[in-house]
Amino acid sequence: MNTGFISVTGGKIWYNIIGADKKGIPMLVLHGGPGAPHDYLENLEVLADERPIIFYDQLGCGNSDRPADNSLWNVDRFVEEINIIKKELNLTKFNLFGQSWGSMLAVKYYFDNENNGVNSLILSGPCLSAVKFTEDVRKMVNQLPNKEKSIIFEAEEKGDFSSLEFQQAMEVFYAKHVCKIVPPPESFLRTMEKMGADVYNYMWGPSEFSVYGTIKDIDLTNQLEKISVPTILICGEFDEASPETTKMYSSLISDSEFVVIKGASHMHNLEKPDEFIAEVRTFLQKVEN
């Protein structure tokens, strides 16, 4: 079947394969968040004219089960999830795409599994160090107008993120660094509607600008030199995954490419779709073997 459910620890996850009959090496898509389902990445399906594109919603969000068990929300279980998908879908060799948190998950899977089947890594808006990501985001908050900056830092200091003023300040930040399209695309709104808030809050925290959850200590920077497959790292010019940090990650990977999409932010795949798809397509064609 090209769409269905797979049993994993804690419940069932939904998957969908576009272009299942194509001959190219498949690409497995890992969405961000944690807990932000695949919908905003749907435009990757245009690449299914050459290869199978496999979408799935990680446990706790989107079309997948949402168990009320916080012990499930840790990186090791999400890595295990990929192993189960690999086995169930018979993915002996595949390209692994990760966006934002999905990039951390992709690289962790690559390191944790000797026979991982990964042909290449495509890392979009990469978050490979939780601490570095929050450091960059806080620098960006410092560049906001004084009103929004003060509201955000006051909420951080008090640990209270419930006010309307904080939500409005967040929207100002999001409009500059997360999604610059006004109004946001329908696929992005669908992701927000189907968001697994419990997963996000437990793994990251209640605020975009500080990490308190189970991934707070993950920093893969010192291991990046061990990546031996072709890798491309893509970010937007105004991305919260900053060009400076993304370039630094790329410099540590011997066989890597670094791309900045001008005028775009974290949702560069939606803001500059033609340019984004062209970069990914060209890369995949180069690593096809």
Protein backbone atom coordinates (compact mmCIF):
# COMPACT_ATOMS: atom_id res chain seq x y z
CA MET A 1 0.00 0.00 0.00
CA ASN A 2 1.16 3.54 -0.77
CA THR A 3 -0.50 5.00 2.32
CA GLY A 4 -1.38 3.53 5.67
CA PHE A 5 -0.28 3.13 9.26
CA ILE A 6 2.74 1.50 10.87
CA SER A 7 2.85 0.31 14.48
CA VAL A 8 5.62 1.83 16.57
CA THR A 9 6.29 2.07 20.28
CA GLY A 10 3.35 4.04 21.69
CA GLY A 11 0.88 3.77 18.81
CA LYS A 12 0.53 3.95 15.05
CA ILE A 13 2.07 6.45 12.66
CA TRP A 14 0.62 7.52 9.31
CA TYR A 15 2.67 7.44 6.11
CA ASN A 16 2.15 8.26 2.45
CA ILE A 17 4.37 7.37 -0.52
CA ILE A 18 4.18 9.57 -3.62
CA GLY A 19 5.68 8.14 -6.81
CA ALA A 20 6.01 4.62 -5.44
CA ASP A 21 6.55 3.25 -8.96
CA LYS A 22 9.50 5.52 -9.78
CA LYS A 23 12.98 4.03 -10.13
CA GLY A 24 15.11 6.63 -8.34
CA ILE A 25 16.46 6.19 -4.82
CA PRO A 26 13.60 7.02 -2.40
CA MET A 27 13.64 10.08 -0.15
CA LEU A 28 12.28 9.80 3.39
CA VAL A 29 11.03 13.12 4.78
CA LEU A 30 11.44 14.02 8.46
CA HIS A 31 9.34 17.03 9.47
CA GLY A 32 10.21 19.58 12.11
CA GLY A 33 8.75 20.67 15.42
CA PRO A 34 9.08 18.46 17.30
CA GLY A 35 5.40 17.84 16.63
CA ALA A 36 4.91 19.90 13.42
CA PRO A 37 3.40 17.40 10.94
CA HIS A 38 4.45 16.95 7.34
CA ASP A 39 1.84 19.18 5.63
CA TYR A 40 4.11 22.23 5.17
CA LEU A 41 6.61 20.04 3.29
CA GLU A 42 4.07 18.69 0.82
CA ASN A 43 5.58 20.61 -2.09
CA LEU A 44 8.46 18.13 -2.01
CA GLU A 45 6.07 15.76 -3.77
CA VAL A 46 7.01 17.35 -7.13
CA LEU A 47 10.27 15.40 -6.81
CA ALA A 48 8.24 12.20 -7.10
CA ASP A 49 8.52 12.41 -10.87
CA GLU A 50 11.95 10.81 -10.43
CA ARG A 51 11.79 8.84 -7.16
CA PRO A 52 9.45 7.77 -4.35
CA ILE A 53 8.93 10.53 -1.77
CA ILE A 54 7.89 9.16 1.62
CA PHE A 55 6.05 11.42 4.04
CA TYR A 56 5.04 10.44 7.55
CA ASP A 57 3.78 12.15 10.67
CA GLN A 58 5.86 11.38 13.72
CA LEU A 59 3.99 9.94 16.67
CA GLY A 60 2.04 12.57 18.60
CA CYS A 61 1.00 14.84 15.75
CA GLY A 62 -0.80 15.15 12.43
CA ASN A 63 -2.52 11.99 11.20
CA SER A 64 -0.66 9.73 13.64
CA ASP A 65 -1.75 8.58 17.08
CA ARG A 66 -1.42 11.00 20.00
CA PRO A 67 -0.77 8.98 23.14
CA ALA A 68 -0.83 10.79 26.47
CA ASP A 69 2.52 9.46 27.63
CA ASN A 70 5.39 11.93 28.00
CA SER A 71 7.93 9.12 28.36
CA LEU A 72 7.61 8.63 24.59
CA TRP A 73 8.88 12.10 23.74
CA ASN A 74 12.63 11.54 23.50
CA VAL A 75 15.06 11.38 20.60
CA ASP A 76 15.88 7.68 20.96
CA ARG A 77 12.26 6.66 20.47
CA PHE A 78 11.97 8.86 17.37
CA VAL A 79 15.17 7.27 16.00
CA GLU A 80 13.63 3.86 16.67
CA GLU A 81 10.58 5.04 14.71
CA ILE A 82 12.75 5.57 11.61
CA ASN A 83 14.22 2.09 11.97
CA ILE A 84 10.74 0.61 12.03
CA ILE A 85 9.72 2.60 8.94
CA LYS A 86 12.88 1.45 7.17
CA LYS A 87 12.05 -2.18 7.91
CA GLU A 88 8.32 -2.01 7.18
CA LEU A 89 8.79 -0.18 3.86
CA ASN A 90 11.88 -2.21 2.90
CA LEU A 91 14.11 0.85 2.52
CA THR A 92 17.51 -0.69 1.91
CA LYS A 93 18.91 2.55 0.45
CA PHE A 94 17.36 5.99 0.72
CA ASN A 95 18.03 9.73 0.84
CA LEU A 96 17.14 11.24 4.21
CA PHE A 97 15.58 14.71 4.28
CA GLY A 98 15.25 16.54 7.60
CA GLN A 99 13.83 20.00 8.21
CA SER A 100 14.56 21.91 11.46
CA TRP A 101 14.14 19.37 14.31
CA GLY A 102 13.94 16.77 11.54
CA SER A 103 17.57 17.54 10.65
CA MET A 104 18.65 16.71 14.22
CA LEU A 105 16.65 13.50 14.04
CA ALA A 106 18.14 12.61 10.65
CA VAL A 107 21.74 13.05 11.79
CA LYS A 108 21.09 11.23 15.08
CA TYR A 109 19.60 8.31 13.15
CA TYR A 110 22.63 8.30 10.84
CA PHE A 111 25.07 8.13 13.76
CA ASP A 112 23.11 5.63 15.85
CA ASN A 113 22.72 2.95 13.17
CA GLU A 114 25.69 1.33 11.48
CA ASN A 115 23.58 -0.18 8.69
CA ASN A 116 21.41 2.90 8.30
CA GLY A 117 20.84 2.73 4.53
CA VAL A 118 21.38 6.46 4.13
CA ASN A 119 22.57 7.43 0.64
CA SER A 120 22.65 11.18 1.34
CA LEU A 121 21.46 13.80 3.82
CA ILE A 122 19.39 16.86 2.91
CA LEU A 123 19.24 19.19 5.93
CA SER A 124 16.88 22.16 5.61
CA GLY A 125 16.91 24.93 8.24
CA PRO A 126 19.14 22.64 10.31
CA CYS A 127 19.01 22.48 14.10
CA LEU A 128 21.98 20.30 15.03
CA SER A 129 22.64 21.94 18.39
CA ALA A 130 19.74 23.00 20.60
CA VAL A 131 21.92 25.47 22.49
CA LYS A 132 23.34 27.03 19.33
CA PHE A 133 19.86 27.34 17.84
CA THR A 134 18.54 29.22 20.87
CA GLU A 135 21.62 31.45 20.97
CA ASP A 136 20.96 32.47 17.36
CA VAL A 137 17.25 32.99 17.98
CA ARG A 138 17.96 35.25 20.96
CA LYS A 139 20.28 37.36 18.82
CA MET A 140 17.40 37.76 16.38
CA VAL A 141 15.03 38.75 19.20
CA ASN A 142 17.53 41.45 20.16
CA GLN A 143 17.09 42.93 16.68
CA LEU A 144 13.30 43.24 17.01
CA PRO A 145 11.65 46.58 17.86
CA ASN A 146 12.06 47.46 21.54
CA LYS A 147 8.41 46.76 22.36
CA GLU A 148 8.42 43.16 21.12
CA LYS A 149 11.91 42.50 22.42
CA SER A 150 10.94 43.64 25.94
CA ILE A 151 7.75 41.58 25.94
CA ILE A 152 9.56 38.41 24.88
CA PHE A 153 12.42 38.74 27.36
CA GLU A 154 10.05 39.63 30.20
CA ALA A 155 7.98 36.52 29.47
CA GLU A 156 11.17 34.45 29.41
CA GLU A 157 12.26 35.86 32.76
CA LYS A 158 8.88 35.17 34.39
CA GLY A 159 8.32 31.85 32.64
CA ASP A 160 4.83 33.02 31.68
CA PHE A 161 4.01 32.77 27.98
CA SER A 162 0.24 32.98 28.20
CA SER A 163 -0.35 36.68 27.53
CA LEU A 164 -1.81 38.06 24.33
CA GLU A 165 1.09 40.52 24.16
CA PHE A 166 3.59 37.64 24.08
CA GLN A 167 1.66 35.90 21.32
CA GLN A 168 1.61 39.11 19.29
CA ALA A 169 5.35 39.61 19.82
CA MET A 170 5.90 36.01 18.70
CA GLU A 171 3.98 36.76 15.51
CA VAL A 172 6.33 39.67 14.77
CA PHE A 173 9.31 37.33 15.16
CA TYR A 174 7.64 34.59 13.10
CA ALA A 175 6.87 37.00 10.26
CA LYS A 176 10.57 37.84 9.97
CA HIS A 177 12.31 34.56 10.71
CA VAL A 178 9.84 31.65 10.38
CA CYS A 179 7.36 32.34 7.59
CA LYS A 180 7.44 35.60 5.64
CA ILE A 181 4.34 34.87 3.52
CA VAL A 182 1.25 36.87 4.53
CA PRO A 183 -1.19 35.25 4.90
CA PRO A 184 0.67 31.98 5.49
CA PRO A 185 0.17 29.21 2.93
CA GLU A 186 -2.64 26.73 3.49
CA SER A 187 -0.21 23.85 4.02
CA PHE A 188 1.56 25.79 6.79
CA LEU A 189 -1.77 26.59 8.48
CA ARG A 190 -2.69 22.90 8.30
CA THR A 191 0.56 22.02 10.07
CA MET A 192 -0.24 24.53 12.81
CA GLU A 193 -3.78 23.15 13.20
CA LYS A 194 -2.51 19.57 13.49
CA MET A 195 0.50 20.45 15.66
CA GLY A 196 1.39 18.09 18.48
CA ALA A 197 1.70 20.77 21.16
CA ASP A 198 2.34 18.24 23.92
CA VAL A 199 5.32 16.83 22.02
CA TYR A 200 6.74 20.28 21.31
CA ASN A 201 6.32 21.52 24.87
CA TYR A 202 7.87 18.41 26.41
CA MET A 203 10.81 18.10 24.01
CA TRP A 204 11.55 21.79 23.41
CA GLY A 205 9.55 23.91 25.85
CA PRO A 206 6.77 26.51 25.92
CA SER A 207 8.84 29.18 24.15
CA GLU A 208 10.68 29.23 20.82
CA PHE A 209 13.45 31.24 22.46
CA SER A 210 14.60 28.84 25.19
CA VAL A 211 14.94 25.07 25.26
CA TYR A 212 13.94 23.29 28.46
CA GLY A 213 12.88 19.86 27.22
CA THR A 214 14.39 16.48 26.45
CA ILE A 215 16.51 17.76 23.54
CA LYS A 216 18.05 20.68 25.43
CA ASP A 217 21.48 19.05 25.74
CA ILE A 218 21.75 17.60 22.23
CA ASP A 219 24.69 19.00 20.30
CA LEU A 220 25.85 17.00 17.28
CA THR A 221 28.46 19.56 16.18
CA ASN A 222 31.49 17.58 17.37
CA GLN A 223 30.37 14.49 15.44
CA LEU A 224 29.66 16.10 12.08
CA GLU A 225 33.13 15.31 10.74
CA LYS A 226 32.12 11.62 10.91
CA ILE A 227 29.43 12.04 8.24
CA SER A 228 30.69 10.25 5.14
CA VAL A 229 27.70 10.54 2.79
CA PRO A 230 27.01 13.50 0.48
CA THR A 231 25.17 16.21 2.41
CA ILE A 232 23.48 19.47 1.50
CA LEU A 233 22.57 22.11 4.10
CA ILE A 234 20.02 24.73 3.06
CA CYS A 235 18.77 27.75 4.99
CA GLY A 236 17.07 31.05 4.32
CA GLU A 237 18.79 34.43 4.50
CA PHE A 238 16.64 35.35 7.54
CA ASP A 239 16.27 31.81 8.87
CA GLU A 240 16.19 31.20 12.62
CA ALA A 241 18.63 28.44 11.64
CA SER A 242 21.08 31.19 10.82
CA PRO A 243 23.30 31.18 7.70
CA GLU A 244 26.36 31.63 9.93
CA THR A 245 25.62 28.52 11.98
CA THR A 246 24.49 26.49 8.97
CA LYS A 247 27.74 27.36 7.18
CA MET A 248 29.69 26.28 10.26
CA TYR A 249 27.90 22.91 10.25
CA SER A 250 28.68 22.49 6.57
CA SER A 251 32.37 23.28 7.10
CA LEU A 252 32.63 20.27 9.43
CA ILE A 253 31.23 17.80 6.88
CA SER A 254 33.79 16.84 4.25
CA ASP A 255 31.40 16.06 1.38
CA SER A 256 28.86 18.85 1.82
CA GLU A 257 27.22 21.76 0.05
CA PHE A 258 25.93 24.94 1.69
CA VAL A 259 23.09 26.97 0.18
CA VAL A 260 21.48 30.21 1.37
CA ILE A 261 18.16 31.11 -0.22
CA LYS A 262 18.02 34.88 -0.47
CA GLY A 263 15.02 36.74 0.93
CA ALA A 264 13.70 33.63 2.69
CA SER A 265 13.38 32.45 6.28
CA HIS A 266 12.80 29.09 8.02
CA MET A 267 9.99 28.15 5.63
CA HIS A 268 12.22 28.73 2.59
CA ASN A 269 10.64 25.73 0.88
CA LEU A 270 7.32 27.65 0.83
CA GLU A 271 8.69 31.16 0.32
CA LYS A 272 11.00 30.31 -2.60
CA PRO A 273 9.67 26.95 -3.78
CA ASP A 274 11.18 26.92 -7.27
CA GLU A 275 14.67 27.73 -6.02
CA PHE A 276 14.40 25.29 -3.12
CA ILE A 277 13.13 22.40 -5.23
CA ALA A 278 15.79 23.07 -7.88
CA GLU A 279 18.55 22.84 -5.26
CA VAL A 280 17.21 19.60 -3.81
CA ARG A 281 16.55 18.06 -7.23
CA THR A 282 20.03 18.87 -8.53
CA PHE A 283 21.61 17.44 -5.39
CA LEU A 284 19.57 14.22 -5.58
CA GLN A 285 20.49 13.74 -9.23
CA LYS A 286 24.16 14.08 -8.34
CA VAL A 287 24.02 11.46 -5.59
CA GLU A 288 21.98 8.95 -7.62
CA ASN A 289 24.14 5.87 -8.01
